[in-house]
Amino acid sequence: MRRGGVYDRSVRAISVVYLAIGVVILVLTLAGGGGPLSLGMLLGVAFIAVGVARYLLQKRISE
């Protein structure tokens, strides 16, 4: 696949969306008084991890 193609950019964009959703979930959970093992914290961290991993994998594949 060529560098910087539509697929590459769209995967990276979706990865950033996952990252943003994770941050929003974390902020809302903390604002609502959630603890470190609450469902919101776990989901937020999971979304952030998926977003970062997906972004890094796509970056590695496209090189």
PDB file of N, CA and C in Angstrom:
ATOM      1  N   MET A   1       0.847  -1.171   0.000  1.00  0.00           N
ATOM      2  CA  MET A   1       0.000   0.000   0.000  1.00  0.00           C
ATOM      3  C   MET A   1       0.894   1.237   0.000  1.00  0.00           C
ATOM      4  N   ARG A   2       0.522   2.210  -0.772  1.00  0.00           N
ATOM      5  CA  ARG A   2       1.369   3.396  -0.861  1.00  0.00           C
ATOM      6  C   ARG A   2       1.244   4.255   0.387  1.00  0.00           C
ATOM      7  N   ARG A   3       2.282   4.983   0.643  1.00  0.00           N
ATOM      8  CA  ARG A   3       2.303   5.842   1.826  1.00  0.00           C
ATOM      9  C   ARG A   3       1.299   6.977   1.695  1.00  0.00           C
ATOM     10  N   GLY A   4       0.651   7.271   2.797  1.00  0.00           N
ATOM     11  CA  GLY A   4      -0.245   8.418   2.836  1.00  0.00           C
ATOM     12  C   GLY A   4      -1.520   8.246   2.049  1.00  0.00           C
ATOM     13  N   GLY A   5      -1.883   7.020   1.719  1.00  0.00           N
ATOM     14  CA  GLY A   5      -3.114   6.780   0.972  1.00  0.00           C
ATOM     15  C   GLY A   5      -4.340   7.071   1.828  1.00  0.00           C
ATOM     16  N   VAL A   6      -5.482   6.981   1.184  1.00  0.00           N
ATOM     17  CA  VAL A   6      -6.741   7.262   1.873  1.00  0.00           C
ATOM     18  C   VAL A   6      -6.950   6.288   3.028  1.00  0.00           C
ATOM     19  N   TYR A   7      -6.644   5.025   2.806  1.00  0.00           N
ATOM     20  CA  TYR A   7      -6.817   4.024   3.860  1.00  0.00           C
ATOM     21  C   TYR A   7      -5.943   4.355   5.066  1.00  0.00           C
ATOM     22  N   ASP A   8      -4.705   4.683   4.808  1.00  0.00           N
ATOM     23  CA  ASP A   8      -3.764   5.010   5.881  1.00  0.00           C
ATOM     24  C   ASP A   8      -4.256   6.204   6.695  1.00  0.00           C
ATOM     25  N   ARG A   9      -4.679   7.239   6.009  1.00  0.00           N
ATOM     26  CA  ARG A   9      -5.168   8.438   6.708  1.00  0.00           C
ATOM     27  C   ARG A   9      -6.455   8.155   7.472  1.00  0.00           C
ATOM     28  N   SER A  10      -7.338   7.342   6.900  1.00  0.00           N
ATOM     29  CA  SER A  10      -8.599   7.064   7.589  1.00  0.00           C
ATOM     30  C   SER A  10      -8.383   6.210   8.836  1.00  0.00           C
ATOM     31  N   VAL A  11      -7.461   5.250   8.774  1.00  0.00           N
ATOM     32  CA  VAL A  11      -7.165   4.438   9.955  1.00  0.00           C
ATOM     33  C   VAL A  11      -6.583   5.314  11.052  1.00  0.00           C
ATOM     34  N   ARG A  12      -5.698   6.221  10.681  1.00  0.00           N
ATOM     35  CA  ARG A  12      -5.125   7.124  11.679  1.00  0.00           C
ATOM     36  C   ARG A  12      -6.182   8.057  12.255  1.00  0.00           C
ATOM     37  N   ALA A  13      -7.103   8.526  11.426  1.00  0.00           N
ATOM     38  CA  ALA A  13      -8.173   9.400  11.913  1.00  0.00           C
ATOM     39  C   ALA A  13      -9.078   8.655  12.893  1.00  0.00           C
ATOM     40  N   ILE A  14      -9.426   7.426  12.571  1.00  0.00           N
ATOM     41  CA  ILE A  14     -10.264   6.632  13.470  1.00  0.00           C
ATOM     42  C   ILE A  14      -9.526   6.360  14.778  1.00  0.00           C
ATOM     43  N   SER A  15      -8.224   6.168  14.702  1.00  0.00           N
ATOM     44  CA  SER A  15      -7.427   5.955  15.910  1.00  0.00           C
ATOM     45  C   SER A  15      -7.478   7.176  16.814  1.00  0.00           C
ATOM     46  N   VAL A  16      -7.392   8.353  16.219  1.00  0.00           N
ATOM     47  CA  VAL A  16      -7.472   9.588  17.002  1.00  0.00           C
ATOM     48  C   VAL A  16      -8.864   9.738  17.611  1.00  0.00           C
ATOM     49  N   VAL A  17      -9.892   9.315  16.888  1.00  0.00           N
ATOM     50  CA  VAL A  17     -11.259   9.365  17.429  1.00  0.00           C
ATOM     51  C   VAL A  17     -11.379   8.443  18.643  1.00  0.00           C
ATOM     52  N   TYR A  18     -10.831   7.227  18.546  1.00  0.00           N
ATOM     53  CA  TYR A  18     -10.831   6.317  19.698  1.00  0.00           C
ATOM     54  C   TYR A  18     -10.121   6.956  20.891  1.00  0.00           C
ATOM     55  N   LEU A  19      -8.997   7.577  20.631  1.00  0.00           N
ATOM     56  CA  LEU A  19      -8.232   8.237  21.687  1.00  0.00           C
ATOM     57  C   LEU A  19      -9.058   9.343  22.335  1.00  0.00           C
ATOM     58  N   ALA A  20      -9.713  10.157  21.517  1.00  0.00           N
ATOM     59  CA  ALA A  20     -10.531  11.255  22.038  1.00  0.00           C
ATOM     60  C   ALA A  20     -11.710  10.731  22.857  1.00  0.00           C
ATOM     61  N   ILE A  21     -12.351   9.678  22.381  1.00  0.00           N
ATOM     62  CA  ILE A  21     -13.469   9.089  23.130  1.00  0.00           C
ATOM     63  C   ILE A  21     -12.984   8.596  24.487  1.00  0.00           C
ATOM     64  N   GLY A  22     -11.823   7.969  24.518  1.00  0.00           N
ATOM     65  CA  GLY A  22     -11.264   7.498  25.783  1.00  0.00           C
ATOM     66  C   GLY A  22     -11.001   8.624  26.760  1.00  0.00           C
ATOM     67  N   VAL A  23     -10.455   9.724  26.254  1.00  0.00           N
ATOM     68  CA  VAL A  23     -10.183  10.874  27.124  1.00  0.00           C
ATOM     69  C   VAL A  23     -11.489  11.457  27.653  1.00  0.00           C
ATOM     70  N   VAL A  24     -12.490  11.566  26.793  1.00  0.00           N
ATOM     71  CA  VAL A  24     -13.788  12.098  27.233  1.00  0.00           C
ATOM     72  C   VAL A  24     -14.405  11.197  28.297  1.00  0.00           C
ATOM     73  N   ILE A  25     -14.338   9.891  28.103  1.00  0.00           N
ATOM     74  CA  ILE A  25     -14.883   8.958  29.097  1.00  0.00           C
ATOM     75  C   ILE A  25     -14.158   9.127  30.429  1.00  0.00           C
ATOM     76  N   LEU A  26     -12.831   9.258  30.381  1.00  0.00           N
ATOM     77  CA  LEU A  26     -12.069   9.451  31.623  1.00  0.00           C
ATOM     78  C   LEU A  26     -12.468  10.739  32.327  1.00  0.00           C
ATOM     79  N   VAL A  27     -12.567  11.821  31.573  1.00  0.00           N
ATOM     80  CA  VAL A  27     -12.912  13.115  32.170  1.00  0.00           C
ATOM     81  C   VAL A  27     -14.308  13.069  32.784  1.00  0.00           C
ATOM     82  N   LEU A  28     -15.266  12.505  32.060  1.00  0.00           N
ATOM     83  CA  LEU A  28     -16.626  12.425  32.591  1.00  0.00           C
ATOM     84  C   LEU A  28     -16.703  11.533  33.828  1.00  0.00           C
ATOM     85  N   THR A  29     -15.939  10.461  33.838  1.00  0.00           N
ATOM     86  CA  THR A  29     -15.924   9.569  34.999  1.00  0.00           C
ATOM     87  C   THR A  29     -15.322  10.267  36.208  1.00  0.00           C
ATOM     88  N   LEU A  30     -14.210  10.961  35.996  1.00  0.00           N
ATOM     89  CA  LEU A  30     -13.589  11.687  37.108  1.00  0.00           C
ATOM     90  C   LEU A  30     -14.483  12.815  37.601  1.00  0.00           C
ATOM     91  N   ALA A  31     -15.153  13.504  36.683  1.00  0.00           N
ATOM     92  CA  ALA A  31     -16.054  14.589  37.076  1.00  0.00           C
ATOM     93  C   ALA A  31     -17.250  14.052  37.854  1.00  0.00           C
ATOM     94  N   GLY A  32     -17.662  12.830  37.550  1.00  0.00           N
ATOM     95  CA  GLY A  32     -18.786  12.217  38.246  1.00  0.00           C
ATOM     96  C   GLY A  32     -18.400  11.522  39.538  1.00  0.00           C
ATOM     97  N   GLY A  33     -17.130  11.577  39.898  1.00  0.00           N
ATOM     98  CA  GLY A  33     -16.680  10.991  41.151  1.00  0.00           C
ATOM     99  C   GLY A  33     -16.308   9.523  41.062  1.00  0.00           C
ATOM    100  N   GLY A  34     -16.011   9.047  39.882  1.00  0.00           N
ATOM    101  CA  GLY A  34     -15.640   7.637  39.713  1.00  0.00           C
ATOM    102  C   GLY A  34     -14.266   7.342  40.278  1.00  0.00           C
ATOM    103  N   GLY A  35     -14.104   6.156  40.796  1.00  0.00           N
ATOM    104  CA  GLY A  35     -12.826   5.735  41.356  1.00  0.00           C
ATOM    105  C   GLY A  35     -11.935   5.101  40.303  1.00  0.00           C
ATOM    106  N   PRO A  36     -10.736   4.703  40.719  1.00  0.00           N
ATOM    107  CA  PRO A  36      -9.766   4.163  39.759  1.00  0.00           C
ATOM    108  C   PRO A  36     -10.177   2.831  39.129  1.00  0.00           C
ATOM    109  N   LEU A  37     -11.042   2.073  39.768  1.00  0.00           N
ATOM    110  CA  LEU A  37     -11.482   0.801  39.198  1.00  0.00           C
ATOM    111  C   LEU A  37     -12.930   0.839  38.718  1.00  0.00           C
ATOM    112  N   SER A  38     -13.468   2.035  38.546  1.00  0.00           N
ATOM    113  CA  SER A  38     -14.840   2.142  38.057  1.00  0.00           C
ATOM    114  C   SER A  38     -14.892   1.771  36.577  1.00  0.00           C
ATOM    115  N   LEU A  39     -16.073   1.437  36.122  1.00  0.00           N
ATOM    116  CA  LEU A  39     -16.253   1.009  34.736  1.00  0.00           C
ATOM    117  C   LEU A  39     -15.822   2.097  33.754  1.00  0.00           C
ATOM    118  N   GLY A  40     -16.131   3.343  34.062  1.00  0.00           N
ATOM    119  CA  GLY A  40     -15.752   4.445  33.182  1.00  0.00           C
ATOM    120  C   GLY A  40     -14.248   4.581  33.036  1.00  0.00           C
ATOM    121  N   MET A  41     -13.528   4.415  34.126  1.00  0.00           N
ATOM    122  CA  MET A  41     -12.065   4.499  34.057  1.00  0.00           C
ATOM    123  C   MET A  41     -11.503   3.352  33.225  1.00  0.00           C
ATOM    124  N   LEU A  42     -12.018   2.151  33.448  1.00  0.00           N
ATOM    125  CA  LEU A  42     -11.526   0.997  32.695  1.00  0.00           C
ATOM    126  C   LEU A  42     -11.826   1.134  31.204  1.00  0.00           C
ATOM    127  N   LEU A  43     -13.033   1.587  30.876  1.00  0.00           N
ATOM    128  CA  LEU A  43     -13.378   1.781  29.469  1.00  0.00           C
ATOM    129  C   LEU A  43     -12.555   2.900  28.837  1.00  0.00           C
ATOM    130  N   GLY A  44     -12.351   3.983  29.577  1.00  0.00           N
ATOM    131  CA  GLY A  44     -11.547   5.085  29.059  1.00  0.00           C
ATOM    132  C   GLY A  44     -10.126   4.660  28.756  1.00  0.00           C
ATOM    133  N   VAL A  45      -9.527   3.942  29.678  1.00  0.00           N
ATOM    134  CA  VAL A  45      -8.157   3.456  29.471  1.00  0.00           C
ATOM    135  C   VAL A  45      -8.122   2.469  28.302  1.00  0.00           C
ATOM    136  N   ALA A  46      -9.146   1.630  28.185  1.00  0.00           N
ATOM    137  CA  ALA A  46      -9.195   0.665  27.079  1.00  0.00           C
ATOM    138  C   ALA A  46      -9.296   1.378  25.731  1.00  0.00           C
ATOM    139  N   PHE A  47     -10.148   2.394  25.641  1.00  0.00           N
ATOM    140  CA  PHE A  47     -10.274   3.144  24.390  1.00  0.00           C
ATOM    141  C   PHE A  47      -8.966   3.847  24.039  1.00  0.00           C
ATOM    142  N   ILE A  48      -8.316   4.425  25.029  1.00  0.00           N
ATOM    143  CA  ILE A  48      -7.035   5.095  24.779  1.00  0.00           C
ATOM    144  C   ILE A  48      -5.997   4.082  24.303  1.00  0.00           C
ATOM    145  N   ALA A  49      -5.944   2.923  24.944  1.00  0.00           N
ATOM    146  CA  ALA A  49      -4.974   1.893  24.551  1.00  0.00           C
ATOM    147  C   ALA A  49      -5.226   1.406  23.128  1.00  0.00           C
ATOM    148  N   VAL A  50      -6.492   1.193  22.777  1.00  0.00           N
ATOM    149  CA  VAL A  50      -6.821   0.746  21.420  1.00  0.00           C
ATOM    150  C   VAL A  50      -6.449   1.816  20.404  1.00  0.00           C
ATOM    151  N   GLY A  51      -6.753   3.067  20.706  1.00  0.00           N
ATOM    152  CA  GLY A  51      -6.421   4.150  19.783  1.00  0.00           C
ATOM    153  C   GLY A  51      -4.931   4.281  19.553  1.00  0.00           C
ATOM    154  N   VAL A  52      -4.158   4.237  20.619  1.00  0.00           N
ATOM    155  CA  VAL A  52      -2.698   4.366  20.498  1.00  0.00           C
ATOM    156  C   VAL A  52      -2.117   3.159  19.764  1.00  0.00           C
ATOM    157  N   ALA A  53      -2.561   1.957  20.127  1.00  0.00           N
ATOM    158  CA  ALA A  53      -2.034   0.750  19.483  1.00  0.00           C
ATOM    159  C   ALA A  53      -2.361   0.724  17.994  1.00  0.00           C
ATOM    160  N   ARG A  54      -3.577   1.086  17.665  1.00  0.00           N
ATOM    161  CA  ARG A  54      -3.987   1.099  16.252  1.00  0.00           C
ATOM    162  C   ARG A  54      -3.190   2.126  15.462  1.00  0.00           C
ATOM    163  N   TYR A  55      -2.983   3.293  16.040  1.00  0.00           N
ATOM    164  CA  TYR A  55      -2.203   4.341  15.371  1.00  0.00           C
ATOM    165  C   TYR A  55      -0.767   3.881  15.141  1.00  0.00           C
ATOM    166  N   LEU A  56      -0.154   3.316  16.170  1.00  0.00           N
ATOM    167  CA  LEU A  56       1.239   2.883  16.043  1.00  0.00           C
ATOM    168  C   LEU A  56       1.389   1.718  15.063  1.00  0.00           C
ATOM    169  N   LEU A  57       0.441   0.788  15.080  1.00  0.00           N
ATOM    170  CA  LEU A  57       0.496  -0.321  14.128  1.00  0.00           C
ATOM    171  C   LEU A  57       0.374   0.172  12.691  1.00  0.00           C
ATOM    172  N   GLN A  58      -0.542   1.089  12.450  1.00  0.00           N
ATOM    173  CA  GLN A  58      -0.704   1.610  11.095  1.00  0.00           C
ATOM    174  C   GLN A  58       0.527   2.392  10.662  1.00  0.00           C
ATOM    175  N   LYS A  59       1.113   3.116  11.591  1.00  0.00           N
ATOM    176  CA  LYS A  59       2.331   3.862  11.274  1.00  0.00           C
ATOM    177  C   LYS A  59       3.458   2.899  10.908  1.00  0.00           C
ATOM    178  N   ARG A  60       3.555   1.808  11.656  1.00  0.00           N
ATOM    179  CA  ARG A  60       4.606   0.815  11.393  1.00  0.00           C
ATOM    180  C   ARG A  60       4.381   0.096  10.062  1.00  0.00           C
ATOM    181  N   ILE A  61       3.127  -0.227   9.762  1.00  0.00           N
ATOM    182  CA  ILE A  61       2.802  -0.917   8.516  1.00  0.00           C
ATOM    183  C   ILE A  61       3.085  -0.034   7.306  1.00  0.00           C
ATOM    184  N   SER A  62       2.776   1.248   7.422  1.00  0.00           N
ATOM    185  CA  SER A  62       2.905   2.140   6.268  1.00  0.00           C
ATOM    186  C   SER A  62       4.341   2.563   5.998  1.00  0.00           C
ATOM    187  N   GLU A  63       5.265   2.240   6.887  1.00  0.00           N
ATOM    188  CA  GLU A  63       6.663   2.639   6.663  1.00  0.00           C
ATOM    189  C   GLU A  63       7.356   1.746   5.686  1.00  0.00           C
TER     190      GLU A  63
END
